[in-house]
Amino acid sequence: SIHAYHEGPGVELVRRAIGNAQGMAPSKPIWLTETSVPADARGVGEDGQARILLETVLLALELGVERVFWHTLFDPPSGVPLPRGAMATHSLLRREQGGQLGDKPAAPAYRALAGVLNDLPRSAVSALELQDGHGVMLGERGWLVSGRSIRLPVEAKEARSLATGEAVPLERSDSSVRVDATAGVVFVSR
């Protein structure tokens, strides 16, 4: 079990933490039991938080991590002091006026990712070697990819940004497709 938190827009701290755990116990399964990134001025903003959440899970899947847990579900009530200001904006849900909870962009991204991975055995996930990005194959479901112009040497049905839910165009040629994944993690379905 490891904890890895982000300080900014990259996922290098998480990559290092996973690498350290794999180096210490190479034959043991790894769970990333705490990870998050602040969605405030200290961090990456709310849209950036959604992208980092998706990139973190994609990286963990690529590196063989068995489970990933986001640290905080909802923001504390305003005015509640937290030690060292910790975790006040790391959540998926924000406190609205009157105390109700509302989605940050990370919440629908998380739901979309959970829908893609729902009931998928870990054994069906395998890392891909891609020229202009990175990703994983999700068995017969499809692929999660991120990077620039990703070429997959297969037929694909559609592509969708997990951060926005919007369709991403597929450029088809022969028995391959190209997808622009510069905006973040894309699910390409079979």
N, C-alpha and C. Protein backbone atom coordinates (compact mmCIF):
# COMPACT_ATOMS: atom_id res chain seq x y z
N SER A 1 0.85 -1.17 0.00
CA SER A 1 0.00 0.00 0.00
C SER A 1 0.89 1.23 0.00
N ILE A 2 0.67 2.10 -0.98
CA ILE A 2 1.45 3.33 -1.03
C ILE A 2 0.51 4.53 -1.09
N HIS A 3 1.05 5.67 -0.66
CA HIS A 3 0.36 6.95 -0.76
C HIS A 3 1.22 7.83 -1.65
N ALA A 4 0.60 8.46 -2.65
CA ALA A 4 1.34 9.35 -3.54
C ALA A 4 0.44 10.52 -3.92
N TYR A 5 0.88 11.71 -3.58
CA TYR A 5 0.11 12.92 -3.85
C TYR A 5 0.81 13.77 -4.88
N HIS A 6 0.03 14.54 -5.61
CA HIS A 6 0.54 15.41 -6.65
C HIS A 6 0.80 16.80 -6.11
N GLU A 7 1.81 17.43 -6.68
CA GLU A 7 2.08 18.83 -6.33
C GLU A 7 1.77 19.76 -7.49
N GLY A 8 1.51 19.21 -8.64
CA GLY A 8 1.25 20.02 -9.82
C GLY A 8 0.67 19.16 -10.92
N PRO A 9 0.85 19.59 -12.17
CA PRO A 9 0.15 18.95 -13.28
C PRO A 9 0.70 17.59 -13.71
N GLY A 10 1.89 17.20 -13.32
CA GLY A 10 2.45 15.93 -13.76
C GLY A 10 2.14 14.78 -12.83
N VAL A 11 2.47 13.59 -13.27
CA VAL A 11 2.25 12.39 -12.45
C VAL A 11 3.58 11.73 -12.04
N GLU A 12 4.67 12.48 -12.12
CA GLU A 12 5.98 11.90 -11.85
C GLU A 12 6.16 11.44 -10.40
N LEU A 13 5.56 12.15 -9.45
CA LEU A 13 5.67 11.71 -8.05
C LEU A 13 5.00 10.35 -7.87
N VAL A 14 3.88 10.15 -8.55
CA VAL A 14 3.19 8.86 -8.47
C VAL A 14 4.03 7.78 -9.15
N ARG A 15 4.60 8.10 -10.31
CA ARG A 15 5.46 7.13 -11.01
C ARG A 15 6.62 6.70 -10.11
N ARG A 16 7.25 7.69 -9.45
CA ARG A 16 8.38 7.38 -8.55
C ARG A 16 7.94 6.52 -7.37
N ALA A 17 6.80 6.85 -6.77
CA ALA A 17 6.31 6.07 -5.63
C ALA A 17 6.03 4.63 -6.03
N ILE A 18 5.41 4.43 -7.17
CA ILE A 18 5.14 3.06 -7.64
C ILE A 18 6.44 2.34 -7.93
N GLY A 19 7.38 3.02 -8.58
CA GLY A 19 8.69 2.42 -8.86
C GLY A 19 9.43 2.03 -7.59
N ASN A 20 9.37 2.90 -6.58
CA ASN A 20 10.01 2.59 -5.30
C ASN A 20 9.39 1.35 -4.66
N ALA A 21 8.07 1.27 -4.69
CA ALA A 21 7.39 0.10 -4.11
C ALA A 21 7.74 -1.17 -4.88
N GLN A 22 7.77 -1.08 -6.19
CA GLN A 22 8.12 -2.25 -7.00
C GLN A 22 9.56 -2.68 -6.74
N GLY A 23 10.44 -1.71 -6.51
CA GLY A 23 11.83 -2.03 -6.21
C GLY A 23 12.01 -2.68 -4.85
N MET A 24 11.20 -2.26 -3.87
CA MET A 24 11.30 -2.81 -2.52
C MET A 24 10.68 -4.20 -2.40
N ALA A 25 9.61 -4.43 -3.12
CA ALA A 25 8.90 -5.71 -3.02
C ALA A 25 8.44 -6.14 -4.42
N PRO A 26 9.39 -6.57 -5.26
CA PRO A 26 9.07 -6.81 -6.67
C PRO A 26 8.01 -7.90 -6.92
N SER A 27 7.81 -8.78 -6.00
CA SER A 27 6.84 -9.86 -6.24
C SER A 27 5.49 -9.61 -5.57
N LYS A 28 5.34 -8.47 -4.93
CA LYS A 28 4.10 -8.18 -4.20
C LYS A 28 3.16 -7.30 -5.02
N PRO A 29 1.86 -7.51 -4.86
CA PRO A 29 0.90 -6.61 -5.52
C PRO A 29 0.95 -5.23 -4.87
N ILE A 30 0.69 -4.21 -5.68
CA ILE A 30 0.73 -2.83 -5.18
C ILE A 30 -0.66 -2.23 -5.26
N TRP A 31 -1.03 -1.59 -4.17
CA TRP A 31 -2.26 -0.81 -4.12
C TRP A 31 -1.87 0.63 -3.85
N LEU A 32 -2.39 1.55 -4.63
CA LEU A 32 -2.22 2.97 -4.41
C LEU A 32 -3.44 3.39 -3.59
N THR A 33 -3.29 3.38 -2.25
CA THR A 33 -4.44 3.55 -1.37
C THR A 33 -4.75 5.00 -1.03
N GLU A 34 -3.88 5.93 -1.38
CA GLU A 34 -4.18 7.35 -1.24
C GLU A 34 -3.48 8.12 -2.34
N THR A 35 -4.27 8.85 -3.10
CA THR A 35 -3.73 9.78 -4.08
C THR A 35 -4.76 10.87 -4.32
N SER A 36 -4.29 12.06 -4.63
CA SER A 36 -5.16 13.18 -4.99
C SER A 36 -4.31 14.37 -5.37
N VAL A 37 -4.97 15.41 -5.82
CA VAL A 37 -4.30 16.66 -6.18
C VAL A 37 -5.23 17.81 -5.80
N PRO A 38 -4.69 18.91 -5.28
CA PRO A 38 -5.55 20.03 -4.93
C PRO A 38 -6.12 20.70 -6.18
N ALA A 39 -7.39 21.08 -6.09
CA ALA A 39 -8.07 21.75 -7.20
C ALA A 39 -8.16 23.24 -6.97
N ASP A 40 -7.22 23.78 -6.24
CA ASP A 40 -7.23 25.22 -5.96
C ASP A 40 -5.98 25.87 -6.56
N ALA A 41 -5.68 27.08 -6.16
CA ALA A 41 -4.54 27.81 -6.70
C ALA A 41 -3.21 27.11 -6.41
N ARG A 42 -3.14 26.33 -5.32
CA ARG A 42 -1.91 25.60 -5.02
C ARG A 42 -1.70 24.45 -6.00
N GLY A 43 -2.79 23.97 -6.56
CA GLY A 43 -2.74 22.79 -7.40
C GLY A 43 -2.88 23.11 -8.87
N VAL A 44 -3.82 22.47 -9.51
CA VAL A 44 -3.95 22.54 -10.96
C VAL A 44 -5.30 23.08 -11.42
N GLY A 45 -6.15 23.52 -10.50
CA GLY A 45 -7.50 23.95 -10.84
C GLY A 45 -8.41 22.75 -10.99
N GLU A 46 -9.69 22.99 -11.08
CA GLU A 46 -10.65 21.88 -11.12
C GLU A 46 -10.56 21.06 -12.40
N ASP A 47 -10.39 21.70 -13.56
CA ASP A 47 -10.25 20.93 -14.81
C ASP A 47 -8.96 20.13 -14.81
N GLY A 48 -7.89 20.73 -14.31
CA GLY A 48 -6.61 20.02 -14.21
C GLY A 48 -6.69 18.84 -13.28
N GLN A 49 -7.46 18.97 -12.20
CA GLN A 49 -7.63 17.87 -11.26
C GLN A 49 -8.26 16.66 -11.96
N ALA A 50 -9.26 16.89 -12.82
CA ALA A 50 -9.89 15.79 -13.55
C ALA A 50 -8.87 15.11 -14.46
N ARG A 51 -8.06 15.91 -15.16
CA ARG A 51 -7.03 15.31 -16.05
C ARG A 51 -6.02 14.50 -15.25
N ILE A 52 -5.57 15.04 -14.12
CA ILE A 52 -4.57 14.34 -13.31
C ILE A 52 -5.15 13.05 -12.73
N LEU A 53 -6.40 13.07 -12.29
CA LEU A 53 -7.04 11.86 -11.78
C LEU A 53 -6.98 10.77 -12.85
N LEU A 54 -7.38 11.10 -14.08
CA LEU A 54 -7.38 10.12 -15.16
C LEU A 54 -5.97 9.65 -15.50
N GLU A 55 -5.03 10.58 -15.57
CA GLU A 55 -3.64 10.21 -15.88
C GLU A 55 -3.05 9.32 -14.78
N THR A 56 -3.41 9.59 -13.53
CA THR A 56 -2.90 8.79 -12.42
C THR A 56 -3.39 7.34 -12.52
N VAL A 57 -4.67 7.16 -12.78
CA VAL A 57 -5.20 5.80 -12.89
C VAL A 57 -4.62 5.11 -14.11
N LEU A 58 -4.51 5.82 -15.24
CA LEU A 58 -3.90 5.22 -16.43
C LEU A 58 -2.47 4.78 -16.13
N LEU A 59 -1.68 5.63 -15.51
CA LEU A 59 -0.31 5.28 -15.16
C LEU A 59 -0.27 4.06 -14.23
N ALA A 60 -1.13 4.06 -13.23
CA ALA A 60 -1.17 2.93 -12.30
C ALA A 60 -1.51 1.63 -13.02
N LEU A 61 -2.46 1.68 -13.94
CA LEU A 61 -2.81 0.49 -14.72
C LEU A 61 -1.62 0.03 -15.56
N GLU A 62 -0.94 0.97 -16.20
CA GLU A 62 0.23 0.64 -17.02
C GLU A 62 1.32 -0.05 -16.21
N LEU A 63 1.50 0.41 -14.98
CA LEU A 63 2.60 -0.10 -14.15
C LEU A 63 2.20 -1.31 -13.30
N GLY A 64 0.98 -1.81 -13.50
CA GLY A 64 0.58 -3.04 -12.84
C GLY A 64 -0.03 -2.88 -11.46
N VAL A 65 -0.35 -1.66 -11.06
CA VAL A 65 -0.98 -1.44 -9.76
C VAL A 65 -2.37 -2.09 -9.78
N GLU A 66 -2.69 -2.80 -8.71
CA GLU A 66 -3.95 -3.55 -8.67
C GLU A 66 -5.16 -2.71 -8.27
N ARG A 67 -4.99 -1.72 -7.41
CA ARG A 67 -6.11 -0.91 -6.94
C ARG A 67 -5.64 0.53 -6.77
N VAL A 68 -6.55 1.48 -7.06
CA VAL A 68 -6.26 2.90 -6.88
C VAL A 68 -7.44 3.51 -6.14
N PHE A 69 -7.14 4.27 -5.08
CA PHE A 69 -8.16 4.93 -4.27
C PHE A 69 -7.90 6.43 -4.24
N TRP A 70 -8.89 7.22 -4.67
CA TRP A 70 -8.79 8.68 -4.56
C TRP A 70 -9.04 9.04 -3.11
N HIS A 71 -8.25 9.97 -2.58
CA HIS A 71 -8.26 10.22 -1.15
C HIS A 71 -9.55 10.82 -0.61
N THR A 72 -10.10 11.84 -1.25
CA THR A 72 -11.16 12.61 -0.61
C THR A 72 -12.39 12.68 -1.50
N LEU A 73 -13.56 12.36 -0.93
CA LEU A 73 -14.80 12.41 -1.70
C LEU A 73 -15.36 13.83 -1.78
N PHE A 74 -15.46 14.52 -0.64
CA PHE A 74 -16.05 15.86 -0.69
C PHE A 74 -15.29 16.82 0.21
N ASP A 75 -15.39 18.11 -0.18
CA ASP A 75 -14.74 19.18 0.58
C ASP A 75 -15.36 19.29 1.97
N PRO A 76 -14.57 19.72 2.95
CA PRO A 76 -15.14 19.97 4.28
C PRO A 76 -16.03 21.21 4.23
N PRO A 77 -16.92 21.36 5.20
CA PRO A 77 -17.72 22.58 5.26
C PRO A 77 -16.81 23.80 5.36
N SER A 78 -17.21 24.89 4.75
CA SER A 78 -16.38 26.10 4.82
C SER A 78 -16.25 26.53 6.27
N GLY A 79 -15.09 27.05 6.60
CA GLY A 79 -14.84 27.51 7.95
C GLY A 79 -14.30 26.44 8.88
N VAL A 80 -14.24 25.19 8.43
CA VAL A 80 -13.69 24.12 9.26
C VAL A 80 -12.17 24.15 9.09
N PRO A 81 -11.43 24.41 10.15
CA PRO A 81 -9.97 24.45 10.02
C PRO A 81 -9.41 23.05 9.82
N LEU A 82 -8.48 22.95 8.91
CA LEU A 82 -7.81 21.67 8.66
C LEU A 82 -6.34 21.82 9.02
N PRO A 83 -5.72 20.78 9.51
CA PRO A 83 -4.29 20.86 9.83
C PRO A 83 -3.49 21.21 8.58
N ARG A 84 -2.64 22.20 8.68
CA ARG A 84 -1.77 22.62 7.59
C ARG A 84 -2.55 22.94 6.31
N GLY A 85 -3.85 23.19 6.39
CA GLY A 85 -4.65 23.48 5.20
C GLY A 85 -4.83 22.27 4.30
N ALA A 86 -4.55 21.10 4.82
CA ALA A 86 -4.50 19.89 4.01
C ALA A 86 -5.86 19.47 3.48
N MET A 87 -5.87 18.99 2.30
CA MET A 87 -6.99 18.28 1.68
C MET A 87 -8.26 19.09 1.53
N ALA A 88 -8.22 20.38 1.65
CA ALA A 88 -9.44 21.18 1.58
C ALA A 88 -10.06 21.18 0.19
N THR A 89 -9.26 20.97 -0.87
CA THR A 89 -9.81 21.00 -2.23
C THR A 89 -9.44 19.75 -3.04
N HIS A 90 -8.98 18.71 -2.39
CA HIS A 90 -8.56 17.49 -3.09
C HIS A 90 -9.73 16.61 -3.53
N SER A 91 -10.92 16.99 -3.19
CA SER A 91 -12.08 16.12 -3.34
C SER A 91 -12.66 16.11 -4.76
N LEU A 92 -13.57 15.17 -4.97
CA LEU A 92 -14.31 15.07 -6.23
C LEU A 92 -15.55 15.95 -6.22
N LEU A 93 -16.05 16.26 -5.02
CA LEU A 93 -17.27 17.06 -4.87
C LEU A 93 -16.96 18.31 -4.05
N ARG A 94 -17.56 19.43 -4.45
CA ARG A 94 -17.35 20.69 -3.72
C ARG A 94 -18.59 21.01 -2.88
N ARG A 95 -18.39 21.80 -1.85
CA ARG A 95 -19.51 22.31 -1.04
C ARG A 95 -20.11 23.51 -1.76
N GLU A 96 -21.38 23.43 -2.03
CA GLU A 96 -22.09 24.54 -2.66
C GLU A 96 -22.68 25.42 -1.55
N GLN A 97 -23.28 26.54 -1.95
CA GLN A 97 -23.97 27.40 -0.99
C GLN A 97 -25.05 26.56 -0.29
N GLY A 98 -25.18 26.72 0.98
CA GLY A 98 -26.18 25.96 1.73
C GLY A 98 -25.71 24.58 2.14
N GLY A 99 -24.46 24.22 1.79
CA GLY A 99 -23.91 22.95 2.23
C GLY A 99 -24.11 21.76 1.31
N GLN A 100 -24.90 21.92 0.23
CA GLN A 100 -25.09 20.80 -0.68
C GLN A 100 -23.77 20.48 -1.40
N LEU A 101 -23.69 19.26 -1.90
CA LEU A 101 -22.51 18.83 -2.63
C LEU A 101 -22.78 18.93 -4.13
N GLY A 102 -21.78 19.41 -4.86
CA GLY A 102 -21.87 19.51 -6.32
C GLY A 102 -20.61 18.94 -6.96
N ASP A 103 -20.75 18.46 -8.16
CA ASP A 103 -19.62 17.86 -8.87
C ASP A 103 -18.56 18.88 -9.23
N LYS A 104 -17.31 18.52 -9.00
CA LYS A 104 -16.19 19.17 -9.66
C LYS A 104 -16.00 18.38 -10.97
N PRO A 105 -15.27 18.89 -11.94
CA PRO A 105 -15.07 18.12 -13.18
C PRO A 105 -14.47 16.73 -12.95
N ALA A 106 -13.76 16.55 -11.85
CA ALA A 106 -13.18 15.24 -11.56
C ALA A 106 -14.24 14.18 -11.27
N ALA A 107 -15.40 14.57 -10.77
CA ALA A 107 -16.44 13.59 -10.41
C ALA A 107 -17.00 12.88 -11.64
N PRO A 108 -17.46 13.58 -12.68
CA PRO A 108 -17.94 12.85 -13.86
C PRO A 108 -16.80 12.09 -14.57
N ALA A 109 -15.58 12.62 -14.51
CA ALA A 109 -14.45 11.90 -15.09
C ALA A 109 -14.24 10.57 -14.35
N TYR A 110 -14.32 10.63 -13.04
CA TYR A 110 -14.17 9.42 -12.22
C TYR A 110 -15.28 8.42 -12.53
N ARG A 111 -16.52 8.92 -12.65
CA ARG A 111 -17.65 8.04 -12.97
C ARG A 111 -17.47 7.39 -14.35
N ALA A 112 -17.01 8.17 -15.32
CA ALA A 112 -16.78 7.64 -16.67
C ALA A 112 -15.71 6.56 -16.64
N LEU A 113 -14.63 6.82 -15.92
CA LEU A 113 -13.56 5.83 -15.80
C LEU A 113 -14.06 4.57 -15.10
N ALA A 114 -14.82 4.74 -14.03
CA ALA A 114 -15.37 3.58 -13.31
C ALA A 114 -16.28 2.78 -14.23
N GLY A 115 -17.04 3.45 -15.08
CA GLY A 115 -17.90 2.74 -16.03
C GLY A 115 -17.10 1.94 -17.03
N VAL A 116 -16.01 2.48 -17.52
CA VAL A 116 -15.15 1.77 -18.47
C VAL A 116 -14.50 0.55 -17.81
N LEU A 117 -14.08 0.70 -16.56
CA LEU A 117 -13.35 -0.38 -15.88
C LEU A 117 -14.26 -1.34 -15.12
N ASN A 118 -15.56 -1.05 -15.05
CA ASN A 118 -16.50 -1.84 -14.27
C ASN A 118 -16.39 -3.34 -14.58
N ASP A 119 -16.14 -4.14 -13.55
CA ASP A 119 -16.08 -5.60 -13.63
C ASP A 119 -14.98 -6.12 -14.56
N LEU A 120 -14.04 -5.29 -14.96
CA LEU A 120 -12.94 -5.74 -15.80
C LEU A 120 -11.89 -6.40 -14.91
N PRO A 121 -11.57 -7.67 -15.15
CA PRO A 121 -10.53 -8.29 -14.32
C PRO A 121 -9.17 -7.65 -14.59
N ARG A 122 -8.36 -7.50 -13.56
CA ARG A 122 -7.03 -6.89 -13.70
C ARG A 122 -6.20 -7.66 -14.72
N SER A 123 -6.44 -8.96 -14.85
CA SER A 123 -5.69 -9.78 -15.81
C SER A 123 -5.99 -9.38 -17.26
N ALA A 124 -7.07 -8.65 -17.51
CA ALA A 124 -7.42 -8.23 -18.87
C ALA A 124 -6.70 -6.93 -19.26
N VAL A 125 -6.00 -6.30 -18.32
CA VAL A 125 -5.34 -5.02 -18.57
C VAL A 125 -3.87 -5.26 -18.88
N SER A 126 -3.42 -4.68 -20.00
CA SER A 126 -1.99 -4.80 -20.35
C SER A 126 -1.49 -3.48 -20.93
N ALA A 127 -0.27 -3.16 -20.59
CA ALA A 127 0.34 -1.91 -21.05
C ALA A 127 0.60 -1.96 -22.55
N LEU A 128 0.48 -0.81 -23.20
CA LEU A 128 0.75 -0.69 -24.63
C LEU A 128 2.06 0.06 -24.84
N GLU A 129 2.77 -0.30 -25.88
CA GLU A 129 3.93 0.48 -26.30
C GLU A 129 3.47 1.35 -27.45
N LEU A 130 3.43 2.65 -27.22
CA LEU A 130 2.93 3.60 -28.21
C LEU A 130 4.01 4.63 -28.51
N GLN A 131 4.11 5.03 -29.76
CA GLN A 131 5.15 5.97 -30.17
C GLN A 131 4.95 7.37 -29.60
N ASP A 132 3.74 7.89 -29.63
CA ASP A 132 3.51 9.27 -29.21
C ASP A 132 2.63 9.41 -27.99
N GLY A 133 2.68 8.43 -27.11
CA GLY A 133 1.87 8.49 -25.92
C GLY A 133 2.01 7.24 -25.10
N HIS A 134 0.99 6.97 -24.30
CA HIS A 134 1.00 5.77 -23.46
C HIS A 134 -0.42 5.30 -23.27
N GLY A 135 -0.56 4.06 -22.84
CA GLY A 135 -1.91 3.54 -22.65
C GLY A 135 -1.94 2.10 -22.23
N VAL A 136 -3.16 1.59 -22.12
CA VAL A 136 -3.38 0.19 -21.77
C VAL A 136 -4.48 -0.39 -22.65
N MET A 137 -4.38 -1.69 -22.88
CA MET A 137 -5.45 -2.42 -23.54
C MET A 137 -6.34 -2.98 -22.44
N LEU A 138 -7.64 -2.89 -22.64
CA LEU A 138 -8.62 -3.35 -21.65
C LEU A 138 -9.33 -4.59 -22.20
N GLY A 139 -8.57 -5.61 -22.49
CA GLY A 139 -9.14 -6.85 -23.02
C GLY A 139 -9.95 -6.56 -24.27
N GLU A 140 -11.14 -7.12 -24.34
CA GLU A 140 -12.02 -6.93 -25.50
C GLU A 140 -12.78 -5.61 -25.47
N ARG A 141 -12.66 -4.85 -24.38
CA ARG A 141 -13.39 -3.59 -24.26
C ARG A 141 -12.83 -2.48 -25.12
N GLY A 142 -11.50 -2.41 -25.19
CA GLY A 142 -10.87 -1.34 -25.94
C GLY A 142 -9.57 -0.90 -25.30
N TRP A 143 -9.30 0.41 -25.35
CA TRP A 143 -8.03 0.95 -24.90
C TRP A 143 -8.24 2.27 -24.17
N LEU A 144 -7.39 2.54 -23.20
CA LEU A 144 -7.27 3.87 -22.59
C LEU A 144 -5.93 4.41 -23.06
N VAL A 145 -5.93 5.61 -23.66
CA VAL A 145 -4.70 6.17 -24.19
C VAL A 145 -4.60 7.65 -23.84
N SER A 146 -3.37 8.14 -23.84
CA SER A 146 -3.10 9.55 -23.62
C SER A 146 -1.81 9.89 -24.36
N GLY A 147 -1.74 11.08 -24.88
CA GLY A 147 -0.54 11.52 -25.59
C GLY A 147 -0.90 12.42 -26.74
N ARG A 148 -0.11 12.34 -27.79
CA ARG A 148 -0.41 13.17 -28.97
C ARG A 148 -1.30 12.38 -29.92
N SER A 149 -0.89 12.21 -31.12
CA SER A 149 -1.66 11.47 -32.11
C SER A 149 -1.33 9.99 -31.94
N ILE A 150 -2.24 9.25 -31.34
CA ILE A 150 -2.01 7.85 -31.01
C ILE A 150 -2.50 6.98 -32.16
N ARG A 151 -1.64 6.09 -32.63
CA ARG A 151 -2.03 5.14 -33.66
C ARG A 151 -2.20 3.78 -33.01
N LEU A 152 -3.38 3.20 -33.21
CA LEU A 152 -3.67 1.85 -32.73
C LEU A 152 -3.84 0.95 -33.94
N PRO A 153 -3.05 -0.13 -34.03
CA PRO A 153 -3.12 -0.99 -35.22
C PRO A 153 -4.31 -1.96 -35.18
N VAL A 154 -5.49 -1.40 -35.03
CA VAL A 154 -6.69 -2.22 -34.89
C VAL A 154 -7.90 -1.45 -35.42
N GLU A 155 -8.99 -2.13 -35.52
CA GLU A 155 -10.26 -1.49 -35.82
C GLU A 155 -10.85 -1.00 -34.49
N ALA A 156 -11.51 0.12 -34.51
CA ALA A 156 -12.12 0.65 -33.30
C ALA A 156 -13.48 1.23 -33.67
N LYS A 157 -14.38 1.22 -32.70
CA LYS A 157 -15.74 1.70 -32.94
C LYS A 157 -15.83 3.21 -32.73
N GLU A 158 -15.40 3.69 -31.54
CA GLU A 158 -15.49 5.11 -31.23
C GLU A 158 -14.46 5.48 -30.18
N ALA A 159 -14.27 6.80 -29.99
CA ALA A 159 -13.35 7.31 -28.98
C ALA A 159 -14.06 8.43 -28.22
N ARG A 160 -13.80 8.50 -26.91
CA ARG A 160 -14.46 9.48 -26.07
C ARG A 160 -13.47 9.98 -25.02
N SER A 161 -13.44 11.30 -24.82
CA SER A 161 -12.64 11.89 -23.76
C SER A 161 -13.29 11.57 -22.42
N LEU A 162 -12.54 11.00 -21.50
CA LEU A 162 -13.11 10.69 -20.20
C LEU A 162 -13.24 11.95 -19.33
N ALA A 163 -12.45 12.98 -19.62
CA ALA A 163 -12.55 14.21 -18.84
C ALA A 163 -13.79 15.02 -19.19
N THR A 164 -14.17 15.02 -20.47
CA THR A 164 -15.29 15.86 -20.90
C THR A 164 -16.52 15.05 -21.32
N GLY A 165 -16.33 13.79 -21.63
CA GLY A 165 -17.43 12.96 -22.13
C GLY A 165 -17.69 13.15 -23.62
N GLU A 166 -16.94 14.05 -24.25
CA GLU A 166 -17.15 14.35 -25.67
C GLU A 166 -16.50 13.31 -26.57
N ALA A 167 -17.12 13.11 -27.75
CA ALA A 167 -16.55 12.21 -28.75
C ALA A 167 -15.25 12.80 -29.28
N VAL A 168 -14.30 11.93 -29.56
CA VAL A 168 -13.02 12.32 -30.15
C VAL A 168 -12.96 11.65 -31.52
N PRO A 169 -12.69 12.40 -32.57
CA PRO A 169 -12.69 11.81 -33.91
C PRO A 169 -11.62 10.72 -34.06
N LEU A 170 -11.98 9.68 -34.78
CA LEU A 170 -11.04 8.62 -35.15
C LEU A 170 -10.69 8.79 -36.62
N GLU A 171 -9.42 8.78 -36.91
CA GLU A 171 -8.96 8.83 -38.30
C GLU A 171 -8.63 7.40 -38.70
N ARG A 172 -9.40 6.86 -39.62
CA ARG A 172 -9.24 5.46 -40.02
C ARG A 172 -8.38 5.34 -41.27
N SER A 173 -7.52 4.31 -41.26
CA SER A 173 -6.75 3.96 -42.46
C SER A 173 -6.39 2.49 -42.39
N ASP A 174 -6.73 1.77 -43.44
CA ASP A 174 -6.52 0.33 -43.51
C ASP A 174 -7.05 -0.35 -42.25
N SER A 175 -6.18 -1.01 -41.51
CA SER A 175 -6.63 -1.71 -40.30
C SER A 175 -6.12 -1.01 -39.04
N SER A 176 -6.02 0.32 -39.10
CA SER A 176 -5.57 1.06 -37.92
C SER A 176 -6.41 2.33 -37.77
N VAL A 177 -6.30 2.91 -36.58
CA VAL A 177 -6.96 4.19 -36.31
C VAL A 177 -5.97 5.12 -35.63
N ARG A 178 -6.19 6.41 -35.83
CA ARG A 178 -5.44 7.45 -35.10
C ARG A 178 -6.44 8.24 -34.28
N VAL A 179 -6.01 8.58 -33.07
CA VAL A 179 -6.86 9.38 -32.20
C VAL A 179 -5.99 10.45 -31.56
N ASP A 180 -6.52 11.66 -31.51
CA ASP A 180 -5.82 12.78 -30.88
C ASP A 180 -6.13 12.74 -29.38
N ALA A 181 -5.12 12.44 -28.59
CA ALA A 181 -5.31 12.33 -27.14
C ALA A 181 -4.53 13.42 -26.40
N THR A 182 -4.31 14.54 -27.06
CA THR A 182 -3.56 15.62 -26.40
C THR A 182 -4.34 16.28 -25.27
N ALA A 183 -5.66 16.19 -25.30
CA ALA A 183 -6.48 16.83 -24.26
C ALA A 183 -6.61 15.96 -23.02
N GLY A 184 -6.08 14.75 -23.02
CA GLY A 184 -6.16 13.89 -21.86
C GLY A 184 -6.54 12.48 -22.23
N VAL A 185 -6.88 11.70 -21.23
CA VAL A 185 -7.15 10.28 -21.40
C VAL A 185 -8.40 10.06 -22.25
N VAL A 186 -8.27 9.19 -23.25
CA VAL A 186 -9.34 8.86 -24.17
C VAL A 186 -9.61 7.36 -24.08
N PHE A 187 -10.89 7.01 -24.04
CA PHE A 187 -11.29 5.60 -24.14
C PHE A 187 -11.66 5.34 -25.59
N VAL A 188 -10.98 4.37 -26.19
CA VAL A 188 -11.26 3.93 -27.55
C VAL A 188 -11.91 2.56 -27.43
N SER A 189 -13.15 2.46 -27.89
CA SER A 189 -13.87 1.19 -27.73
C SER A 189 -13.78 0.35 -29.00
N ARG A 190 -13.89 -0.95 -28.81
CA ARG A 190 -13.90 -1.89 -29.95
C ARG A 190 -15.25 -1.89 -30.58
